[in-house]
Amino acid sequence: MLRTLFGLILALALAPAAMAQSSYRIQSGDVLQMEVLEDPSLNRSLLVLPDGTVSLPLVGGVNAAGQSVDGLKAAISAALASKFAAPPTIFLSVGSLNPTTTAVAQASATLAAQSVANNGLVDVYAVGEVAKPGRIGVAAGTTLLQFLAESGGLTKFASAKRIQLRRVDSKTGKEAVYTYNYKAVQNGASAPVIVLQEGDVIVVPERRLFE
């Protein structure tokens, strides 16, 4: 059963989802992952400092807090443009949220789970380049591969090689991230058996240039 996932819980609970939804606003304490297509030596993690800036090689500080991921990506490209023949291609994602936002996200996720009736379904979330993003109820015991087959598939812009399953341990609050190469499975590789659990998040990133 497909049910609409309210934007607030989605934005708080998921870093990559926040990027996809563009509603998430970067905060001090967030850690961003930056890749520069034209110069991989610039690839790095960027900590959003207490003053709301990130420190970039070659150019120094750039305001980040309060911006969407897409907005900051454009600002970084513009800041680095003078160092390249043309504005560079930037890939930017939120690697981890600041501790306060993470705590709120976990509390929101717990409340959401408690509000769901015990109907034999497990609520998982699909975001990014999927045909039907949002919160989806699947039968207990459903594997990730079965979910991908049942949920409408991926968009033509999806990176099937870099699908992520993000799972938060309810006891420790720590998030584990599993990478799933769906394209390899489609080409005949054996599929790891990953049984979905309540609150799991399937993130399908956009395909990179030349990927």
C-alpha atoms as a PDB file:
ATOM      1  CA  MET A   1       0.000   0.000   0.000  1.00  0.00           C
ATOM      2  CA  LEU A   2       1.381   3.336  -1.030  1.00  0.00           C
ATOM      3  CA  ARG A   3       0.890   6.186   1.417  1.00  0.00           C
ATOM      4  CA  THR A   4       2.091   9.724   1.141  1.00  0.00           C
ATOM      5  CA  LEU A   5       5.119  10.558   3.257  1.00  0.00           C
ATOM      6  CA  PHE A   6       4.792  13.971   4.838  1.00  0.00           C
ATOM      7  CA  GLY A   7       7.566  16.291   3.699  1.00  0.00           C
ATOM      8  CA  LEU A   8       8.693  17.287   7.174  1.00  0.00           C
ATOM      9  CA  ILE A   9       9.489  13.757   8.342  1.00  0.00           C
ATOM     10  CA  LEU A  10      11.161  12.993   5.040  1.00  0.00           C
ATOM     11  CA  ALA A  11      13.321  16.110   5.154  1.00  0.00           C
ATOM     12  CA  LEU A  12      14.379  15.505   8.743  1.00  0.00           C
ATOM     13  CA  ALA A  13      14.899  11.773   8.545  1.00  0.00           C
ATOM     14  CA  LEU A  14      16.975  11.441   5.417  1.00  0.00           C
ATOM     15  CA  ALA A  15      20.015  13.263   4.253  1.00  0.00           C
ATOM     16  CA  PRO A  16      19.984  12.020   0.677  1.00  0.00           C
ATOM     17  CA  ALA A  17      16.245  12.316   0.636  1.00  0.00           C
ATOM     18  CA  ALA A  18      16.587  15.879   1.679  1.00  0.00           C
ATOM     19  CA  MET A  19      18.797  16.473  -1.292  1.00  0.00           C
ATOM     20  CA  ALA A  20      16.267  14.904  -3.607  1.00  0.00           C
ATOM     21  CA  GLN A  21      13.333  16.783  -2.159  1.00  0.00           C
ATOM     22  CA  SER A  22      15.213  20.113  -2.090  1.00  0.00           C
ATOM     23  CA  SER A  23      13.116  21.170   0.927  1.00  0.00           C
ATOM     24  CA  TYR A  24      15.908  20.435   3.412  1.00  0.00           C
ATOM     25  CA  ARG A  25      17.955  23.451   4.431  1.00  0.00           C
ATOM     26  CA  ILE A  26      21.581  22.913   5.367  1.00  0.00           C
ATOM     27  CA  GLN A  27      22.496  23.632   8.982  1.00  0.00           C
ATOM     28  CA  SER A  28      25.679  24.156  10.963  1.00  0.00           C
ATOM     29  CA  GLY A  29      27.083  20.788  11.972  1.00  0.00           C
ATOM     30  CA  ASP A  30      25.968  18.984   8.817  1.00  0.00           C
ATOM     31  CA  VAL A  31      28.655  17.132   6.878  1.00  0.00           C
ATOM     32  CA  LEU A  32      28.467  17.384   3.088  1.00  0.00           C
ATOM     33  CA  GLN A  33      30.127  15.177   0.487  1.00  0.00           C
ATOM     34  CA  MET A  34      31.497  17.076  -2.516  1.00  0.00           C
ATOM     35  CA  GLU A  35      32.804  15.681  -5.801  1.00  0.00           C
ATOM     36  CA  VAL A  36      34.194  17.808  -8.629  1.00  0.00           C
ATOM     37  CA  LEU A  37      33.980  16.011 -11.956  1.00  0.00           C
ATOM     38  CA  GLU A  38      36.750  18.011 -13.608  1.00  0.00           C
ATOM     39  CA  ASP A  39      39.227  17.693 -10.718  1.00  0.00           C
ATOM     40  CA  PRO A  40      38.823  14.672  -8.376  1.00  0.00           C
ATOM     41  CA  SER A  41      41.614  16.034  -6.163  1.00  0.00           C
ATOM     42  CA  LEU A  42      39.023  18.508  -4.843  1.00  0.00           C
ATOM     43  CA  ASN A  43      36.658  15.736  -3.697  1.00  0.00           C
ATOM     44  CA  ARG A  44      36.183  15.883   0.075  1.00  0.00           C
ATOM     45  CA  SER A  45      33.865  16.046   3.079  1.00  0.00           C
ATOM     46  CA  LEU A  46      32.745  19.563   4.004  1.00  0.00           C
ATOM     47  CA  LEU A  47      31.773  20.381   7.578  1.00  0.00           C
ATOM     48  CA  VAL A  48      29.318  23.253   7.906  1.00  0.00           C
ATOM     49  CA  LEU A  49      31.030  25.448  10.488  1.00  0.00           C
ATOM     50  CA  PRO A  50      29.252  27.260  13.369  1.00  0.00           C
ATOM     51  CA  ASP A  51      29.251  30.469  11.298  1.00  0.00           C
ATOM     52  CA  GLY A  52      27.298  28.659   8.578  1.00  0.00           C
ATOM     53  CA  THR A  53      30.108  28.412   6.021  1.00  0.00           C
ATOM     54  CA  VAL A  54      32.038  25.600   4.413  1.00  0.00           C
ATOM     55  CA  SER A  55      35.728  25.965   3.600  1.00  0.00           C
ATOM     56  CA  LEU A  56      36.569  25.205  -0.011  1.00  0.00           C
ATOM     57  CA  PRO A  57      40.016  24.601  -1.468  1.00  0.00           C
ATOM     58  CA  LEU A  58      41.233  27.397  -3.750  1.00  0.00           C
ATOM     59  CA  VAL A  59      38.492  29.879  -2.755  1.00  0.00           C
ATOM     60  CA  GLY A  60      37.945  29.761   1.015  1.00  0.00           C
ATOM     61  CA  GLY A  61      34.612  30.137   2.801  1.00  0.00           C
ATOM     62  CA  VAL A  62      31.219  29.850   1.108  1.00  0.00           C
ATOM     63  CA  ASN A  63      27.922  30.445   2.894  1.00  0.00           C
ATOM     64  CA  ALA A  64      26.051  27.141   3.299  1.00  0.00           C
ATOM     65  CA  ALA A  65      23.611  27.301   6.229  1.00  0.00           C
ATOM     66  CA  GLY A  66      20.050  27.955   5.149  1.00  0.00           C
ATOM     67  CA  GLN A  67      20.635  26.901   1.558  1.00  0.00           C
ATOM     68  CA  SER A  68      19.225  23.866  -0.210  1.00  0.00           C
ATOM     69  CA  VAL A  69      21.711  21.313  -1.494  1.00  0.00           C
ATOM     70  CA  ASP A  70      21.010  22.407  -5.071  1.00  0.00           C
ATOM     71  CA  GLY A  71      21.493  26.055  -4.121  1.00  0.00           C
ATOM     72  CA  LEU A  72      24.822  25.386  -2.442  1.00  0.00           C
ATOM     73  CA  LYS A  73      25.946  23.225  -5.354  1.00  0.00           C
ATOM     74  CA  ALA A  74      25.358  26.175  -7.691  1.00  0.00           C
ATOM     75  CA  ALA A  75      27.178  28.529  -5.308  1.00  0.00           C
ATOM     76  CA  ILE A  76      30.197  26.207  -5.118  1.00  0.00           C
ATOM     77  CA  SER A  77      30.314  25.872  -8.904  1.00  0.00           C
ATOM     78  CA  ALA A  78      30.219  29.654  -9.243  1.00  0.00           C
ATOM     79  CA  ALA A  79      32.926  30.117  -6.590  1.00  0.00           C
ATOM     80  CA  LEU A  80      35.248  27.662  -8.335  1.00  0.00           C
ATOM     81  CA  ALA A  81      34.464  28.853 -11.859  1.00  0.00           C
ATOM     82  CA  SER A  82      37.436  31.214 -12.060  1.00  0.00           C
ATOM     83  CA  LYS A  83      39.783  28.260 -11.487  1.00  0.00           C
ATOM     84  CA  PHE A  84      38.473  26.361 -14.522  1.00  0.00           C
ATOM     85  CA  ALA A  85      37.946  27.075 -18.200  1.00  0.00           C
ATOM     86  CA  ALA A  86      34.188  26.646 -17.581  1.00  0.00           C
ATOM     87  CA  PRO A  87      32.099  26.340 -14.391  1.00  0.00           C
ATOM     88  CA  PRO A  88      32.891  22.896 -12.951  1.00  0.00           C
ATOM     89  CA  THR A  89      30.350  20.108 -12.516  1.00  0.00           C
ATOM     90  CA  ILE A  90      29.670  19.619  -8.798  1.00  0.00           C
ATOM     91  CA  PHE A  91      28.054  16.595  -7.149  1.00  0.00           C
ATOM     92  CA  LEU A  92      26.919  17.407  -3.604  1.00  0.00           C
ATOM     93  CA  SER A  93      25.080  15.370  -1.004  1.00  0.00           C
ATOM     94  CA  VAL A  94      24.500  15.462   2.744  1.00  0.00           C
ATOM     95  CA  GLY A  95      26.673  12.818   4.355  1.00  0.00           C
ATOM     96  CA  SER A  96      25.325  13.247   7.889  1.00  0.00           C
ATOM     97  CA  LEU A  97      23.044  15.603   9.756  1.00  0.00           C
ATOM     98  CA  ASN A  98      23.998  17.582  12.814  1.00  0.00           C
ATOM     99  CA  PRO A  99      23.208  15.788  16.113  1.00  0.00           C
ATOM    100  CA  THR A 100      20.140  17.902  16.965  1.00  0.00           C
ATOM    101  CA  THR A 101      18.473  17.270  13.622  1.00  0.00           C
ATOM    102  CA  THR A 102      19.310  13.569  13.860  1.00  0.00           C
ATOM    103  CA  ALA A 103      17.653  13.321  17.282  1.00  0.00           C
ATOM    104  CA  VAL A 104      14.508  15.061  16.016  1.00  0.00           C
ATOM    105  CA  ALA A 105      14.452  12.789  12.977  1.00  0.00           C
ATOM    106  CA  GLN A 106      14.639   9.667  15.112  1.00  0.00           C
ATOM    107  CA  ALA A 107      11.869  10.902  17.383  1.00  0.00           C
ATOM    108  CA  SER A 108       9.677  11.729  14.381  1.00  0.00           C
ATOM    109  CA  ALA A 109      10.312   8.338  12.830  1.00  0.00           C
ATOM    110  CA  THR A 110       9.404   6.607  16.099  1.00  0.00           C
ATOM    111  CA  LEU A 111       6.136   8.522  16.408  1.00  0.00           C
ATOM    112  CA  ALA A 112       5.288   7.764  12.799  1.00  0.00           C
ATOM    113  CA  ALA A 113       5.901   4.055  13.329  1.00  0.00           C
ATOM    114  CA  GLN A 114       3.779   4.010  16.481  1.00  0.00           C
ATOM    115  CA  SER A 115       0.864   5.579  14.632  1.00  0.00           C
ATOM    116  CA  VAL A 116       0.699   2.779  12.052  1.00  0.00           C
ATOM    117  CA  ALA A 117      -1.802   0.019  12.813  1.00  0.00           C
ATOM    118  CA  ASN A 118      -0.482  -3.501  13.129  1.00  0.00           C
ATOM    119  CA  ASN A 119      -1.661  -4.752   9.728  1.00  0.00           C
ATOM    120  CA  GLY A 120       1.196  -7.121   8.915  1.00  0.00           C
ATOM    121  CA  LEU A 121       2.990  -4.536   6.785  1.00  0.00           C
ATOM    122  CA  VAL A 122       6.432  -2.987   7.186  1.00  0.00           C
ATOM    123  CA  ASP A 123       6.779   0.691   6.323  1.00  0.00           C
ATOM    124  CA  VAL A 124       9.794   1.521   4.159  1.00  0.00           C
ATOM    125  CA  TYR A 125      10.634   4.708   2.305  1.00  0.00           C
ATOM    126  CA  ALA A 126      11.766   5.151  -1.286  1.00  0.00           C
ATOM    127  CA  VAL A 127      13.356   8.422  -2.420  1.00  0.00           C
ATOM    128  CA  GLY A 128      15.291   9.748  -5.361  1.00  0.00           C
ATOM    129  CA  GLU A 129      15.041   8.317  -8.870  1.00  0.00           C
ATOM    130  CA  VAL A 130      12.228   5.826  -8.244  1.00  0.00           C
ATOM    131  CA  ALA A 131       8.941   5.583 -10.099  1.00  0.00           C
ATOM    132  CA  LYS A 132       6.871   5.862  -6.917  1.00  0.00           C
ATOM    133  CA  PRO A 133       8.715   7.740  -4.145  1.00  0.00           C
ATOM    134  CA  GLY A 134       7.279   7.973  -0.654  1.00  0.00           C
ATOM    135  CA  ARG A 135       6.296   5.678   2.179  1.00  0.00           C
ATOM    136  CA  ILE A 136       5.342   2.184   1.093  1.00  0.00           C
ATOM    137  CA  GLY A 137       3.893  -0.655   3.139  1.00  0.00           C
ATOM    138  CA  VAL A 138       5.385  -4.014   2.175  1.00  0.00           C
ATOM    139  CA  ALA A 139       4.729  -7.479   3.511  1.00  0.00           C
ATOM    140  CA  ALA A 140       7.012  -8.628   6.307  1.00  0.00           C
ATOM    141  CA  GLY A 141       9.870 -10.669   4.864  1.00  0.00           C
ATOM    142  CA  THR A 142      10.055  -8.711   1.600  1.00  0.00           C
ATOM    143  CA  THR A 143      13.612  -8.440   0.284  1.00  0.00           C
ATOM    144  CA  LEU A 144      15.142  -5.367  -1.306  1.00  0.00           C
ATOM    145  CA  LEU A 145      15.212  -7.078  -4.703  1.00  0.00           C
ATOM    146  CA  GLN A 146      11.520  -7.970  -4.413  1.00  0.00           C
ATOM    147  CA  PHE A 147      10.739  -4.403  -3.404  1.00  0.00           C
ATOM    148  CA  LEU A 148      12.499  -3.014  -6.479  1.00  0.00           C
ATOM    149  CA  ALA A 149      10.508  -5.417  -8.642  1.00  0.00           C
ATOM    150  CA  GLU A 150       7.159  -4.548  -7.015  1.00  0.00           C
ATOM    151  CA  SER A 151       7.451  -0.789  -6.516  1.00  0.00           C
ATOM    152  CA  GLY A 152       7.302   0.373 -10.132  1.00  0.00           C
ATOM    153  CA  GLY A 153      11.018   0.341 -10.871  1.00  0.00           C
ATOM    154  CA  LEU A 154      13.511   3.149 -11.405  1.00  0.00           C
ATOM    155  CA  THR A 155      13.427   6.271 -13.560  1.00  0.00           C
ATOM    156  CA  LYS A 156      15.588   6.587 -16.662  1.00  0.00           C
ATOM    157  CA  PHE A 157      17.901   8.910 -14.722  1.00  0.00           C
ATOM    158  CA  ALA A 158      18.587   6.423 -11.917  1.00  0.00           C
ATOM    159  CA  SER A 159      22.016   5.114 -11.015  1.00  0.00           C
ATOM    160  CA  ALA A 160      21.195   1.417 -10.657  1.00  0.00           C
ATOM    161  CA  LYS A 161      24.782   0.709  -9.543  1.00  0.00           C
ATOM    162  CA  ARG A 162      24.649   2.888  -6.423  1.00  0.00           C
ATOM    163  CA  ILE A 163      21.311   2.155  -4.753  1.00  0.00           C
ATOM    164  CA  GLN A 164      21.543   2.638  -0.996  1.00  0.00           C
ATOM    165  CA  LEU A 165      19.644   0.990   1.830  1.00  0.00           C
ATOM    166  CA  ARG A 166      19.872   3.159   4.948  1.00  0.00           C
ATOM    167  CA  ARG A 167      18.897   1.591   8.279  1.00  0.00           C
ATOM    168  CA  VAL A 168      18.941   3.153  11.754  1.00  0.00           C
ATOM    169  CA  ASP A 169      19.556   0.889  14.748  1.00  0.00           C
ATOM    170  CA  SER A 170      16.697   1.634  17.169  1.00  0.00           C
ATOM    171  CA  LYS A 171      18.928   0.866  20.169  1.00  0.00           C
ATOM    172  CA  THR A 172      22.073   2.794  19.300  1.00  0.00           C
ATOM    173  CA  GLY A 173      20.657   5.409  16.936  1.00  0.00           C
ATOM    174  CA  LYS A 174      23.502   4.690  14.513  1.00  0.00           C
ATOM    175  CA  GLU A 175      22.796   4.494  10.810  1.00  0.00           C
ATOM    176  CA  ALA A 176      24.146   1.728   8.607  1.00  0.00           C
ATOM    177  CA  VAL A 177      24.353   2.262   4.847  1.00  0.00           C
ATOM    178  CA  TYR A 178      24.368  -0.683   2.435  1.00  0.00           C
ATOM    179  CA  THR A 179      25.200  -0.228  -1.270  1.00  0.00           C
ATOM    180  CA  TYR A 180      23.223  -2.379  -3.692  1.00  0.00           C
ATOM    181  CA  ASN A 181      24.307  -2.842  -7.313  1.00  0.00           C
ATOM    182  CA  TYR A 182      20.950  -3.505  -8.944  1.00  0.00           C
ATOM    183  CA  LYS A 183      22.456  -3.249 -12.437  1.00  0.00           C
ATOM    184  CA  ALA A 184      24.833  -6.121 -11.720  1.00  0.00           C
ATOM    185  CA  VAL A 185      21.901  -8.216 -10.501  1.00  0.00           C
ATOM    186  CA  GLN A 186      20.006  -7.406 -13.705  1.00  0.00           C
ATOM    187  CA  ASN A 187      23.040  -8.610 -15.641  1.00  0.00           C
ATOM    188  CA  GLY A 188      23.029 -11.970 -13.860  1.00  0.00           C
ATOM    189  CA  ALA A 189      25.051 -11.449 -10.666  1.00  0.00           C
ATOM    190  CA  SER A 190      23.814 -13.131  -7.509  1.00  0.00           C
ATOM    191  CA  ALA A 191      21.651 -10.856  -5.381  1.00  0.00           C
ATOM    192  CA  PRO A 192      22.475 -10.424  -1.669  1.00  0.00           C
ATOM    193  CA  VAL A 193      19.405 -11.241   0.395  1.00  0.00           C
ATOM    194  CA  ILE A 194      18.476  -8.108   2.342  1.00  0.00           C
ATOM    195  CA  VAL A 195      15.161  -8.406   4.173  1.00  0.00           C
ATOM    196  CA  LEU A 196      13.542  -5.017   4.651  1.00  0.00           C
ATOM    197  CA  GLN A 197      12.793  -3.762   8.145  1.00  0.00           C
ATOM    198  CA  GLU A 198      10.471  -1.088   9.540  1.00  0.00           C
ATOM    199  CA  GLY A 199      11.844   2.371   8.744  1.00  0.00           C
ATOM    200  CA  ASP A 200      14.329   1.262   6.086  1.00  0.00           C
ATOM    201  CA  VAL A 201      15.067   3.889   3.448  1.00  0.00           C
ATOM    202  CA  ILE A 202      15.892   3.001  -0.156  1.00  0.00           C
ATOM    203  CA  VAL A 203      17.778   5.858  -1.830  1.00  0.00           C
ATOM    204  CA  VAL A 204      18.245   5.809  -5.594  1.00  0.00           C
ATOM    205  CA  PRO A 205      20.676   8.583  -6.625  1.00  0.00           C
ATOM    206  CA  GLU A 206      20.740  10.317  -9.978  1.00  0.00           C
ATOM    207  CA  ARG A 207      23.080   8.854 -12.571  1.00  0.00           C
ATOM    208  CA  ARG A 208      26.317  10.770 -12.948  1.00  0.00           C
ATOM    209  CA  LEU A 209      27.707  12.022 -16.218  1.00  0.00           C
ATOM    210  CA  PHE A 210      29.160   9.145 -18.271  1.00  0.00           C
ATOM    211  CA  GLU A 211      27.979   6.629 -15.670  1.00  0.00           C
END
